Amino acid sequence: MLAETIFSAVSVAGLGIAAITAYRKRLLAAARIAAYSLVPLGLVLTGAVEWAFDTVFSPTAWVGFGVLGAALLLFMSTRAIERRRAGRKEATEGSRPGAVAAPAASAPALGQGQRGATPKAQAQQAADDFSDIEAILKKHGI
């Protein structure tokens, strides 16, 4: 009962401030203040204030919140354990002797002569690639 009275008084005071603001020809600000001041009145009329204060001061409600928190904690911990076990399972499956290794990069992706090539040969091939590019650019006048 006290909460409803306080919320109603705050709403009336806000509407009074909005009226003074409107008198000073600041209509947009007055409308915004009126909107803010009508929120507590709407909460009182819908019964949300009474419900909220009954919930806050109710020991049964706090026990219920505690039970919900415990359930959430259990859910999150079991999910974390499940993920950890799945990660271990994947790691052990990959290290089995009969497991198939991941395929290596194919020869066309590496280039034909690069597998066992020396660094000098690789540098020569890179220079040849750039000379081809230079020839193409010169042909087009770039």
Protein backbone atom coordinates (compact mmCIF):
# COMPACT_ATOMS: atom_id res chain seq x y z
CA MET A 1 0.00 0.00 0.00
CA LEU A 2 2.83 2.35 0.85
CA ALA A 3 4.66 1.59 -2.40
CA GLU A 4 1.58 2.40 -4.46
CA THR A 5 1.18 5.72 -2.65
CA ILE A 6 4.83 6.66 -3.22
CA PHE A 7 4.69 5.72 -6.91
CA SER A 8 1.48 7.71 -7.38
CA ALA A 9 3.02 10.76 -5.65
CA VAL A 10 6.11 10.56 -7.88
CA SER A 11 3.86 10.40 -10.92
CA VAL A 12 1.82 13.44 -9.86
CA ALA A 13 5.01 15.39 -9.12
CA GLY A 14 6.38 14.52 -12.55
CA LEU A 15 3.19 15.68 -14.22
CA GLY A 16 3.45 18.95 -12.31
CA ILE A 17 7.01 19.46 -13.54
CA ALA A 18 5.84 18.66 -17.07
CA ALA A 19 3.12 21.33 -16.78
CA ILE A 20 5.65 23.93 -15.63
CA THR A 21 7.96 22.97 -18.50
CA ALA A 22 5.09 23.28 -20.99
CA TYR A 23 4.24 26.73 -19.58
CA ARG A 24 7.81 27.78 -20.41
CA LYS A 25 7.18 26.86 -24.08
CA ARG A 26 9.44 23.80 -24.01
CA LEU A 27 6.77 21.43 -25.30
CA LEU A 28 9.03 18.61 -26.47
CA ALA A 29 10.77 18.40 -23.09
CA ALA A 30 7.39 18.62 -21.33
CA ALA A 31 6.02 15.72 -23.34
CA ARG A 32 9.11 13.62 -22.51
CA ILE A 33 8.80 14.41 -18.78
CA ALA A 34 5.08 13.56 -18.86
CA ALA A 35 5.86 10.23 -20.51
CA TYR A 36 8.43 9.37 -17.83
CA SER A 37 6.09 10.41 -15.04
CA LEU A 38 3.22 8.26 -16.34
CA VAL A 39 5.31 5.05 -16.11
CA PRO A 40 5.05 4.72 -12.28
CA LEU A 41 1.31 5.37 -12.43
CA GLY A 42 0.93 2.66 -15.07
CA LEU A 43 2.90 0.22 -12.93
CA VAL A 44 0.65 0.93 -9.96
CA LEU A 45 -2.53 0.49 -12.00
CA THR A 46 -1.40 -2.83 -13.50
CA GLY A 47 -0.50 -4.26 -10.09
CA ALA A 48 3.15 -4.73 -11.02
CA VAL A 49 4.32 -2.71 -8.00
CA GLU A 50 2.35 -4.82 -5.55
CA TRP A 51 3.62 -8.03 -7.16
CA ALA A 52 7.23 -6.79 -7.13
CA PHE A 53 7.13 -5.74 -3.47
CA ASP A 54 5.42 -8.99 -2.48
CA THR A 55 8.15 -10.89 -4.29
CA VAL A 56 11.03 -8.89 -2.81
CA PHE A 57 9.86 -9.28 0.77
CA SER A 58 8.77 -12.90 0.47
CA PRO A 59 11.14 -15.57 1.87
CA THR A 60 9.43 -18.19 -0.28
CA ALA A 61 10.26 -16.21 -3.41
CA TRP A 62 13.93 -15.99 -2.40
CA VAL A 63 14.08 -19.74 -1.80
CA GLY A 64 12.58 -20.19 -5.25
CA PHE A 65 15.25 -17.95 -6.79
CA GLY A 66 17.89 -20.02 -4.96
CA VAL A 67 16.47 -23.26 -6.36
CA LEU A 68 16.43 -21.77 -9.87
CA GLY A 69 20.06 -20.67 -9.42
CA ALA A 70 21.08 -24.17 -8.28
CA ALA A 71 19.33 -25.71 -11.29
CA LEU A 72 21.12 -23.30 -13.61
CA LEU A 73 24.46 -24.07 -11.97
CA LEU A 74 23.89 -27.82 -12.36
CA PHE A 75 22.90 -27.40 -15.99
CA MET A 76 25.97 -25.32 -16.81
CA SER A 77 28.39 -27.64 -14.99
CA THR A 78 27.03 -30.79 -16.66
CA ARG A 79 27.25 -29.07 -20.04
CA ALA A 80 30.87 -28.10 -19.39
CA ILE A 81 31.75 -31.67 -18.35
CA GLU A 82 30.03 -33.02 -21.45
CA ARG A 83 32.06 -30.70 -23.70
CA ARG A 84 35.29 -31.64 -21.96
CA ARG A 85 34.58 -35.35 -22.43
CA ALA A 86 33.74 -34.80 -26.09
CA GLY A 87 37.06 -32.99 -26.58
CA ARG A 88 38.98 -35.85 -24.94
CA LYS A 89 37.11 -38.39 -27.04
CA GLU A 90 38.05 -36.62 -30.28
CA ALA A 91 41.69 -36.35 -29.17
CA THR A 92 41.93 -40.04 -28.32
CA GLU A 93 40.23 -41.12 -31.54
CA GLY A 94 42.78 -39.22 -33.60
CA SER A 95 45.75 -40.83 -31.82
CA ARG A 96 44.66 -44.46 -32.26
CA PRO A 97 47.05 -46.63 -34.29
CA GLY A 98 44.40 -47.50 -36.87
CA ALA A 99 43.27 -43.93 -37.35
CA VAL A 100 43.52 -42.36 -40.77
CA ALA A 101 45.81 -39.34 -40.95
CA ALA A 102 44.60 -36.11 -42.42
CA PRO A 103 45.42 -35.87 -46.12
CA ALA A 104 48.45 -33.77 -46.97
CA ALA A 105 48.35 -30.97 -49.49
CA SER A 106 48.18 -32.24 -53.03
CA ALA A 107 51.07 -31.87 -55.46
CA PRO A 108 49.34 -29.28 -57.72
CA ALA A 109 48.76 -27.05 -54.71
CA LEU A 110 52.46 -27.12 -53.86
CA GLY A 111 53.73 -26.73 -57.38
CA GLN A 112 55.43 -29.42 -59.43
CA GLY A 113 59.04 -28.94 -58.50
CA GLN A 114 58.79 -27.67 -54.96
CA ARG A 115 58.59 -30.86 -52.90
CA GLY A 116 62.25 -31.75 -52.67
CA ALA A 117 63.65 -28.63 -54.26
CA THR A 118 66.53 -26.69 -52.79
CA PRO A 119 66.09 -23.08 -51.76
CA LYS A 120 68.04 -21.92 -54.84
CA ALA A 121 65.71 -23.84 -57.16
CA GLN A 122 62.68 -22.40 -55.41
CA ALA A 123 64.06 -18.87 -55.77
CA GLN A 124 64.75 -19.46 -59.48
CA GLN A 125 61.19 -20.72 -60.02
CA ALA A 126 59.79 -17.66 -58.22
CA ALA A 127 61.91 -15.39 -60.43
CA ASP A 128 60.62 -17.20 -63.54
CA ASP A 129 57.04 -16.62 -62.34
CA PHE A 130 57.71 -12.91 -61.95
CA SER A 131 59.32 -12.68 -65.37
CA ASP A 132 56.17 -14.11 -66.92
CA ILE A 133 54.10 -11.51 -65.07
CA GLU A 134 56.43 -8.73 -66.20
CA ALA A 135 56.10 -9.88 -69.82
CA ILE A 136 52.31 -9.82 -69.60
CA LEU A 137 52.34 -6.32 -68.08
CA LYS A 138 54.72 -5.01 -70.78
CA LYS A 139 52.53 -6.53 -73.48
CA HIS A 140 49.55 -4.51 -72.21
CA GLY A 141 51.63 -1.36 -71.78
CA ILE A 142 51.55 -1.27 -68.03
